[in-house]
Structures are given as C-alpha cells and as structure tokens.
C-alpha cells in the first residue's frame, strides 16, 4: 500500500479560515469611517490623474457599499456594524492617500484615530455569520449580575 493512499488527514474537516472574523463598529466609528473615505475620494478626484476604479480602490470607497447593508442589520439587531478584520486595509489606504493628496488636517487626524481604534477592535474580533446574505455578528452575551 502506498503511503499516500490512506494516510491520516491532518486538516480539519471545516476550514477555520472560511469563517469570517469581524468586530463591531460603533455608529460613531462608522460615521468617521464614511467621512474619511469620502474625503479621500474627493481629494483624489480633485487632483485627478487616475481612473475611477483606481480612485475607488485607493480611497477606500469600495468598502462603503459593502458596509451599508450591514448598518441596517446592525440597527435592527441593536448592536454594532460588522466589519471584517481584512477590511481594515481599505481604511488604511484611505488615510495614507488622504495624507498624500492633501486632505483636511481634521479629517486626517480623525482617520489616524480611527485606525488606532480599529487596531483595538481587531483584538476583540470574533466569528461572524451571514444572515440573509449580510454579514452580522452574533448578539452580545448578556451579562449576569454578580452575587
């Protein structure tokens, strides 16, 4: 019998990498994210020199259409907006390009503060689920009163 024909399977049956990992973004953080991304997109459009797809990607604007349906679900469920850990890169691109394209100082400061906040939230990331095609987080565990 060949060594590869009935070998032991070391991989798990369900791959944990397929489970989306997300954290809850507050409404305030979401508004800041929108402000930073929209300002980055606007600055890049004003300076010109790039096509619409490049601007959408470099400004982080491609993230917004993904997040908007999650906002409605979050409001309906009474908790934060689900944001994948992997989506932080869009905010990083927005802030870096905002700085490069001469964005307003206040928005730039908000962008860096948001990145710092996202780094903290990333540590609290948990498995997310998809409900009716929209990424959501499970309801928070209720706290039991102490003794």
N, C-alpha and C. Protein backbone atom coordinates (compact mmCIF):
# COMPACT_ATOMS: atom_id res chain seq x y z
N UNK A 1 0.84 -1.17 0.00
CA UNK A 1 0.00 0.00 0.00
C UNK A 1 0.89 1.24 0.00
N UNK A 2 0.58 2.16 -0.88
CA UNK A 2 1.37 3.39 -0.97
C UNK A 2 1.11 4.27 0.24
N UNK A 3 2.09 5.02 0.64
CA UNK A 3 1.98 5.85 1.84
C UNK A 3 0.95 6.96 1.69
N UNK A 4 0.61 7.32 0.47
CA UNK A 4 -0.33 8.42 0.27
C UNK A 4 -1.77 7.97 0.04
N UNK A 5 -2.02 6.70 -0.07
CA UNK A 5 -3.36 6.26 -0.42
C UNK A 5 -4.37 6.35 0.73
N UNK A 6 -3.98 6.01 1.93
CA UNK A 6 -4.90 6.08 3.06
C UNK A 6 -4.23 6.73 4.25
N UNK A 7 -3.54 7.81 3.98
CA UNK A 7 -2.83 8.50 5.05
C UNK A 7 -3.77 9.23 5.98
N UNK A 8 -3.23 9.62 7.10
CA UNK A 8 -4.01 10.37 8.08
C UNK A 8 -4.28 11.78 7.56
N UNK A 9 -5.46 12.24 7.78
CA UNK A 9 -5.82 13.59 7.35
C UNK A 9 -5.58 14.53 8.52
N UNK A 10 -4.63 15.45 8.35
CA UNK A 10 -4.28 16.39 9.41
C UNK A 10 -5.13 17.65 9.39
N UNK A 11 -5.73 17.96 8.25
CA UNK A 11 -6.52 19.18 8.16
C UNK A 11 -7.89 18.97 8.81
N UNK A 12 -8.42 20.02 9.42
CA UNK A 12 -9.76 19.89 9.98
C UNK A 12 -10.78 19.75 8.85
N UNK A 13 -11.91 19.14 9.16
CA UNK A 13 -12.95 18.93 8.16
C UNK A 13 -13.49 20.27 7.68
N UNK A 14 -13.78 21.19 8.58
CA UNK A 14 -14.20 22.52 8.17
C UNK A 14 -13.04 23.47 8.43
N UNK A 15 -12.66 24.18 7.41
CA UNK A 15 -11.51 25.06 7.48
C UNK A 15 -11.88 26.33 8.24
N UNK A 16 -11.17 26.61 9.32
CA UNK A 16 -11.46 27.80 10.13
C UNK A 16 -11.21 29.08 9.34
N UNK A 17 -10.38 29.02 8.31
CA UNK A 17 -10.12 30.21 7.51
C UNK A 17 -11.36 30.64 6.73
N UNK A 18 -12.33 29.76 6.56
CA UNK A 18 -13.55 30.09 5.86
C UNK A 18 -14.52 30.88 6.74
N UNK A 19 -14.32 30.86 8.02
CA UNK A 19 -15.19 31.58 8.95
C UNK A 19 -14.76 33.04 8.98
N UNK A 20 -15.67 33.95 8.62
CA UNK A 20 -15.29 35.37 8.65
C UNK A 20 -15.05 35.84 10.08
N UNK A 21 -14.02 36.62 10.26
CA UNK A 21 -13.68 37.17 11.57
C UNK A 21 -13.94 38.66 11.53
N UNK A 22 -14.81 39.13 12.42
CA UNK A 22 -15.24 40.52 12.39
C UNK A 22 -15.35 41.09 13.81
N UNK A 23 -15.53 42.38 13.86
CA UNK A 23 -15.73 43.08 15.12
C UNK A 23 -16.87 44.07 14.93
N UNK A 24 -17.38 44.59 16.03
CA UNK A 24 -18.49 45.54 15.98
C UNK A 24 -17.97 46.96 15.90
N UNK A 25 -18.37 47.65 14.87
CA UNK A 25 -18.01 49.05 14.65
C UNK A 25 -19.17 49.91 15.17
N UNK A 26 -18.87 50.84 16.05
CA UNK A 26 -19.94 51.69 16.60
C UNK A 26 -20.47 52.64 15.52
N UNK A 27 -21.62 53.22 15.76
CA UNK A 27 -22.17 54.17 14.80
C UNK A 27 -21.27 55.39 14.65
N UNK A 28 -20.66 55.82 15.75
CA UNK A 28 -19.73 56.95 15.69
C UNK A 28 -18.52 56.61 14.84
N UNK A 29 -17.95 55.42 15.07
CA UNK A 29 -16.80 54.98 14.26
C UNK A 29 -17.20 54.84 12.80
N UNK A 30 -18.41 54.35 12.54
CA UNK A 30 -18.86 54.21 11.16
C UNK A 30 -18.97 55.57 10.48
N UNK A 31 -19.53 56.55 11.17
CA UNK A 31 -19.64 57.89 10.59
C UNK A 31 -18.26 58.48 10.30
N UNK A 32 -17.31 58.25 11.20
CA UNK A 32 -15.95 58.72 10.98
C UNK A 32 -15.34 58.04 9.76
N UNK A 33 -15.56 56.74 9.65
CA UNK A 33 -15.05 55.98 8.50
C UNK A 33 -15.60 56.56 7.19
N UNK A 34 -16.89 56.82 7.16
CA UNK A 34 -17.51 57.38 5.95
C UNK A 34 -16.91 58.75 5.64
N UNK A 35 -16.76 59.58 6.65
CA UNK A 35 -16.19 60.92 6.45
C UNK A 35 -14.77 60.84 5.89
N UNK A 36 -13.94 59.96 6.43
CA UNK A 36 -12.56 59.82 5.98
C UNK A 36 -12.51 59.29 4.55
N UNK A 37 -13.27 58.25 4.27
CA UNK A 37 -13.25 57.64 2.93
C UNK A 37 -13.79 58.62 1.89
N UNK A 38 -14.89 59.28 2.19
CA UNK A 38 -15.47 60.23 1.23
C UNK A 38 -14.53 61.40 0.97
N UNK A 39 -13.86 61.90 2.01
CA UNK A 39 -12.91 63.00 1.83
C UNK A 39 -11.71 62.54 1.00
N UNK A 40 -11.23 61.33 1.25
CA UNK A 40 -10.10 60.80 0.47
C UNK A 40 -10.51 60.67 -1.00
N UNK A 41 -11.70 60.15 -1.25
CA UNK A 41 -12.18 60.01 -2.63
C UNK A 41 -12.28 61.38 -3.30
N UNK A 42 -12.84 62.34 -2.59
CA UNK A 42 -13.00 63.69 -3.13
C UNK A 42 -11.65 64.32 -3.46
N UNK A 43 -10.69 64.20 -2.55
CA UNK A 43 -9.35 64.78 -2.78
C UNK A 43 -8.68 64.13 -3.98
N UNK A 44 -8.83 62.83 -4.13
CA UNK A 44 -8.20 62.13 -5.25
C UNK A 44 -8.87 62.50 -6.58
N UNK A 45 -10.17 62.72 -6.55
CA UNK A 45 -10.87 63.14 -7.77
C UNK A 45 -10.47 64.54 -8.18
N UNK A 46 -10.30 65.43 -7.20
CA UNK A 46 -9.93 66.81 -7.49
C UNK A 46 -8.53 66.89 -8.10
N UNK A 47 -7.61 66.13 -7.56
CA UNK A 47 -6.23 66.18 -8.07
C UNK A 47 -6.10 65.46 -9.40
N UNK A 48 -7.04 64.56 -9.70
CA UNK A 48 -7.06 63.89 -11.00
C UNK A 48 -5.88 62.96 -11.22
N UNK A 49 -5.76 62.49 -12.44
CA UNK A 49 -4.65 61.64 -12.81
C UNK A 49 -4.90 60.16 -12.66
N UNK A 50 -6.07 59.77 -12.16
CA UNK A 50 -6.37 58.35 -12.00
C UNK A 50 -7.78 58.07 -12.50
N UNK A 51 -7.98 56.82 -12.92
CA UNK A 51 -9.31 56.43 -13.38
C UNK A 51 -10.21 56.15 -12.17
N UNK A 52 -11.51 56.02 -12.43
CA UNK A 52 -12.49 55.86 -11.35
C UNK A 52 -12.24 54.62 -10.50
N UNK A 53 -11.84 53.50 -11.11
CA UNK A 53 -11.59 52.27 -10.34
C UNK A 53 -10.40 52.44 -9.40
N UNK A 54 -9.36 53.10 -9.87
CA UNK A 54 -8.18 53.32 -9.04
C UNK A 54 -8.54 54.23 -7.86
N UNK A 55 -9.30 55.27 -8.14
CA UNK A 55 -9.71 56.19 -7.07
C UNK A 55 -10.58 55.47 -6.05
N UNK A 56 -11.52 54.67 -6.51
CA UNK A 56 -12.40 53.94 -5.59
C UNK A 56 -11.58 52.99 -4.71
N UNK A 57 -10.61 52.33 -5.29
CA UNK A 57 -9.77 51.40 -4.54
C UNK A 57 -8.84 52.13 -3.58
N UNK A 58 -8.15 53.15 -4.06
CA UNK A 58 -7.15 53.85 -3.25
C UNK A 58 -7.76 54.70 -2.15
N UNK A 59 -9.00 55.14 -2.34
CA UNK A 59 -9.65 55.98 -1.34
C UNK A 59 -10.41 55.16 -0.30
N UNK A 60 -10.53 53.86 -0.52
CA UNK A 60 -11.28 53.02 0.39
C UNK A 60 -12.78 53.03 0.11
N UNK A 61 -13.19 53.74 -0.95
CA UNK A 61 -14.61 53.90 -1.24
C UNK A 61 -15.30 52.59 -1.60
N UNK A 62 -14.55 51.58 -2.03
CA UNK A 62 -15.18 50.30 -2.35
C UNK A 62 -15.70 49.59 -1.10
N UNK A 63 -15.28 50.05 0.06
CA UNK A 63 -15.75 49.46 1.31
C UNK A 63 -17.17 49.90 1.67
N UNK A 64 -17.54 51.11 1.31
CA UNK A 64 -18.83 51.66 1.73
C UNK A 64 -20.03 50.87 1.23
N UNK A 65 -20.11 50.49 -0.05
CA UNK A 65 -21.28 49.72 -0.48
C UNK A 65 -21.40 48.37 0.22
N UNK A 66 -20.29 47.86 0.72
CA UNK A 66 -20.30 46.59 1.45
C UNK A 66 -20.84 46.80 2.87
N UNK A 67 -20.50 47.93 3.47
CA UNK A 67 -20.89 48.19 4.85
C UNK A 67 -22.33 48.68 5.00
N UNK A 68 -22.85 49.41 4.02
CA UNK A 68 -24.20 50.00 4.17
C UNK A 68 -25.29 48.97 4.50
N UNK A 69 -25.35 47.81 3.84
CA UNK A 69 -26.39 46.85 4.25
C UNK A 69 -26.20 46.34 5.68
N UNK A 70 -24.97 46.29 6.13
CA UNK A 70 -24.68 45.84 7.49
C UNK A 70 -25.18 46.84 8.52
N UNK A 71 -25.20 48.11 8.15
CA UNK A 71 -25.68 49.15 9.07
C UNK A 71 -27.15 48.90 9.40
N UNK A 72 -27.94 48.65 8.36
CA UNK A 72 -29.36 48.38 8.59
C UNK A 72 -29.59 47.17 9.47
N UNK A 73 -28.82 46.13 9.22
CA UNK A 73 -28.94 44.92 10.03
C UNK A 73 -28.51 45.19 11.47
N UNK A 74 -27.44 45.95 11.63
CA UNK A 74 -26.96 46.26 12.98
C UNK A 74 -27.98 47.08 13.76
N UNK A 75 -28.59 48.05 13.09
CA UNK A 75 -29.61 48.86 13.76
C UNK A 75 -30.80 47.99 14.15
N UNK A 76 -31.22 47.12 13.23
CA UNK A 76 -32.36 46.25 13.51
C UNK A 76 -32.08 45.29 14.66
N UNK A 77 -30.84 44.84 14.76
CA UNK A 77 -30.47 43.89 15.82
C UNK A 77 -30.02 44.58 17.10
N UNK A 78 -29.79 45.89 17.03
CA UNK A 78 -29.42 46.63 18.23
C UNK A 78 -27.98 46.51 18.65
N UNK A 79 -27.07 46.31 17.69
CA UNK A 79 -25.65 46.32 18.04
C UNK A 79 -24.82 46.89 16.92
N UNK A 80 -23.48 46.84 17.05
CA UNK A 80 -22.58 47.49 16.12
C UNK A 80 -22.57 46.89 14.72
N UNK A 81 -22.00 47.64 13.81
CA UNK A 81 -21.87 47.23 12.41
C UNK A 81 -20.73 46.22 12.30
N UNK A 82 -21.01 45.08 11.68
CA UNK A 82 -19.97 44.05 11.50
C UNK A 82 -18.96 44.52 10.45
N UNK A 83 -17.70 44.51 10.83
CA UNK A 83 -16.62 44.86 9.91
C UNK A 83 -15.57 43.77 9.99
N UNK A 84 -15.24 43.21 8.84
CA UNK A 84 -14.22 42.17 8.79
C UNK A 84 -12.85 42.75 9.12
N UNK A 85 -12.04 41.98 9.78
CA UNK A 85 -10.68 42.39 10.09
C UNK A 85 -9.93 42.70 8.79
N UNK A 86 -10.17 41.93 7.77
CA UNK A 86 -9.48 42.13 6.49
C UNK A 86 -9.88 43.44 5.80
N UNK A 87 -10.98 44.05 6.22
CA UNK A 87 -11.44 45.30 5.60
C UNK A 87 -10.73 46.53 6.15
N UNK A 88 -9.96 46.36 7.19
CA UNK A 88 -9.21 47.49 7.77
C UNK A 88 -8.26 48.06 6.72
N UNK A 89 -7.78 47.24 5.82
CA UNK A 89 -6.82 47.70 4.80
C UNK A 89 -7.41 48.81 3.94
N UNK A 90 -8.73 48.82 3.75
CA UNK A 90 -9.37 49.88 2.97
C UNK A 90 -9.27 51.22 3.70
N UNK A 91 -9.43 51.18 5.01
CA UNK A 91 -9.32 52.40 5.81
C UNK A 91 -7.88 52.88 5.83
N UNK A 92 -6.94 51.95 5.93
CA UNK A 92 -5.52 52.31 5.88
C UNK A 92 -5.19 53.01 4.57
N UNK A 93 -5.68 52.47 3.46
CA UNK A 93 -5.44 53.07 2.14
C UNK A 93 -6.03 54.48 2.09
N UNK A 94 -7.23 54.64 2.62
CA UNK A 94 -7.88 55.96 2.62
C UNK A 94 -7.04 56.98 3.38
N UNK A 95 -6.57 56.61 4.55
CA UNK A 95 -5.83 57.56 5.39
C UNK A 95 -4.48 57.90 4.76
N UNK A 96 -3.79 56.89 4.27
CA UNK A 96 -2.49 57.14 3.64
C UNK A 96 -2.65 58.02 2.41
N UNK A 97 -3.62 57.72 1.57
CA UNK A 97 -3.83 58.53 0.38
C UNK A 97 -4.39 59.90 0.70
N UNK A 98 -5.16 60.01 1.76
CA UNK A 98 -5.65 61.31 2.20
C UNK A 98 -4.47 62.21 2.57
N UNK A 99 -3.51 61.63 3.24
CA UNK A 99 -2.31 62.40 3.60
C UNK A 99 -1.53 62.79 2.34
N UNK A 100 -1.41 61.86 1.42
CA UNK A 100 -0.65 62.11 0.19
C UNK A 100 -1.31 63.15 -0.71
N UNK A 101 -2.64 63.20 -0.71
CA UNK A 101 -3.37 64.09 -1.61
C UNK A 101 -3.84 65.37 -0.92
N UNK A 102 -3.24 65.71 0.20
CA UNK A 102 -3.52 66.98 0.85
C UNK A 102 -4.90 67.10 1.46
N UNK A 103 -5.31 66.08 2.17
CA UNK A 103 -6.61 66.11 2.83
C UNK A 103 -6.64 67.09 3.99
N UNK A 104 -7.83 67.45 4.39
CA UNK A 104 -8.01 68.37 5.50
C UNK A 104 -7.41 67.78 6.76
N UNK A 105 -6.70 68.60 7.51
CA UNK A 105 -5.97 68.14 8.69
C UNK A 105 -6.89 67.47 9.72
N UNK A 106 -8.08 68.02 9.92
CA UNK A 106 -9.01 67.47 10.90
C UNK A 106 -9.44 66.06 10.51
N UNK A 107 -9.75 65.87 9.24
CA UNK A 107 -10.17 64.55 8.77
C UNK A 107 -9.00 63.58 8.85
N UNK A 108 -7.82 64.05 8.56
CA UNK A 108 -6.64 63.20 8.65
C UNK A 108 -6.40 62.74 10.09
N UNK A 109 -6.55 63.64 11.04
CA UNK A 109 -6.40 63.28 12.46
C UNK A 109 -7.48 62.26 12.85
N UNK A 110 -8.71 62.50 12.39
CA UNK A 110 -9.79 61.54 12.66
C UNK A 110 -9.46 60.18 12.05
N UNK A 111 -8.87 60.18 10.86
CA UNK A 111 -8.51 58.93 10.20
C UNK A 111 -7.47 58.13 10.98
N UNK A 112 -6.45 58.81 11.47
CA UNK A 112 -5.43 58.11 12.25
C UNK A 112 -6.00 57.63 13.59
N UNK A 113 -6.87 58.42 14.20
CA UNK A 113 -7.52 57.99 15.44
C UNK A 113 -8.40 56.77 15.18
N UNK A 114 -9.08 56.76 14.03
CA UNK A 114 -9.92 55.62 13.68
C UNK A 114 -9.06 54.37 13.47
N UNK A 115 -7.93 54.51 12.80
CA UNK A 115 -7.04 53.35 12.61
C UNK A 115 -6.57 52.80 13.95
N UNK A 116 -6.28 53.68 14.89
CA UNK A 116 -5.87 53.23 16.22
C UNK A 116 -7.02 52.48 16.89
N UNK A 117 -8.23 53.01 16.75
CA UNK A 117 -9.42 52.36 17.32
C UNK A 117 -9.66 51.01 16.66
N UNK A 118 -9.48 50.93 15.35
CA UNK A 118 -9.68 49.66 14.64
C UNK A 118 -8.66 48.61 15.09
N UNK A 119 -7.45 49.05 15.39
CA UNK A 119 -6.44 48.11 15.89
C UNK A 119 -6.88 47.52 17.23
N UNK A 120 -7.50 48.33 18.06
CA UNK A 120 -8.03 47.85 19.34
C UNK A 120 -9.20 46.90 19.12
N UNK A 121 -10.12 47.29 18.23
CA UNK A 121 -11.29 46.46 17.94
C UNK A 121 -10.89 45.13 17.30
N UNK A 122 -9.83 45.15 16.53
CA UNK A 122 -9.34 43.93 15.87
C UNK A 122 -9.03 42.85 16.91
N UNK A 123 -8.56 43.26 18.07
CA UNK A 123 -8.24 42.31 19.14
C UNK A 123 -9.49 41.66 19.72
N UNK A 124 -10.65 42.27 19.50
CA UNK A 124 -11.91 41.75 20.02
C UNK A 124 -12.70 41.01 18.95
N UNK A 125 -12.06 40.77 17.80
CA UNK A 125 -12.76 40.13 16.68
C UNK A 125 -13.20 38.71 17.04
N UNK A 126 -14.32 38.34 16.47
CA UNK A 126 -14.89 37.01 16.71
C UNK A 126 -15.50 36.50 15.41
N UNK A 127 -15.92 35.26 15.45
CA UNK A 127 -16.54 34.66 14.27
C UNK A 127 -17.85 35.40 13.97
N UNK A 128 -18.03 35.72 12.71
CA UNK A 128 -19.25 36.38 12.26
C UNK A 128 -20.09 35.37 11.50
N UNK A 129 -21.31 35.76 11.21
CA UNK A 129 -22.21 34.89 10.46
C UNK A 129 -22.90 35.69 9.38
N UNK A 130 -23.42 35.00 8.41
CA UNK A 130 -24.16 35.65 7.35
C UNK A 130 -25.63 35.34 7.53
N UNK A 131 -26.44 36.39 7.61
CA UNK A 131 -27.88 36.25 7.76
C UNK A 131 -28.52 36.93 6.55
N UNK A 132 -29.25 36.16 5.77
CA UNK A 132 -29.87 36.68 4.55
C UNK A 132 -28.86 37.38 3.65
N UNK A 133 -27.65 36.84 3.58
CA UNK A 133 -26.61 37.36 2.71
C UNK A 133 -25.85 38.56 3.26
N UNK A 134 -26.14 38.94 4.50
CA UNK A 134 -25.48 40.11 5.10
C UNK A 134 -24.67 39.67 6.30
N UNK A 135 -23.42 40.09 6.32
CA UNK A 135 -22.53 39.75 7.43
C UNK A 135 -23.03 40.40 8.71
N UNK A 136 -23.16 39.60 9.75
CA UNK A 136 -23.60 40.10 11.05
C UNK A 136 -22.76 39.46 12.14
N UNK A 137 -22.84 40.04 13.29
CA UNK A 137 -22.20 39.46 14.47
C UNK A 137 -23.28 38.83 15.33
N UNK A 138 -22.95 37.76 16.01
CA UNK A 138 -23.94 37.18 16.93
C UNK A 138 -24.27 38.20 18.02
N UNK A 139 -25.47 38.10 18.59
CA UNK A 139 -25.82 39.04 19.65
C UNK A 139 -24.83 38.94 20.80
N UNK A 140 -24.54 40.07 21.44
CA UNK A 140 -23.63 40.01 22.57
C UNK A 140 -24.20 39.15 23.69
N UNK A 141 -23.33 38.49 24.40
CA UNK A 141 -23.74 37.66 25.52
C UNK A 141 -24.21 38.55 26.66
N UNK A 142 -25.42 38.32 27.17
CA UNK A 142 -25.88 39.16 28.27
C UNK A 142 -25.03 38.93 29.51
N UNK A 143 -24.81 39.98 30.25
CA UNK A 143 -24.00 39.87 31.47
C UNK A 143 -24.90 39.46 32.62
N UNK A 144 -24.44 38.48 33.36
CA UNK A 144 -25.16 38.03 34.55
C UNK A 144 -24.80 38.93 35.73
N UNK A 145 -25.77 39.26 36.54
CA UNK A 145 -25.47 40.09 37.71
C UNK A 145 -24.55 39.32 38.66
N UNK A 146 -23.62 40.02 39.23
CA UNK A 146 -22.71 39.42 40.18
C UNK A 146 -23.35 39.41 41.56
N UNK A 147 -23.18 38.29 42.23
CA UNK A 147 -23.60 37.97 43.50
C UNK A 147 -24.32 38.68 44.45
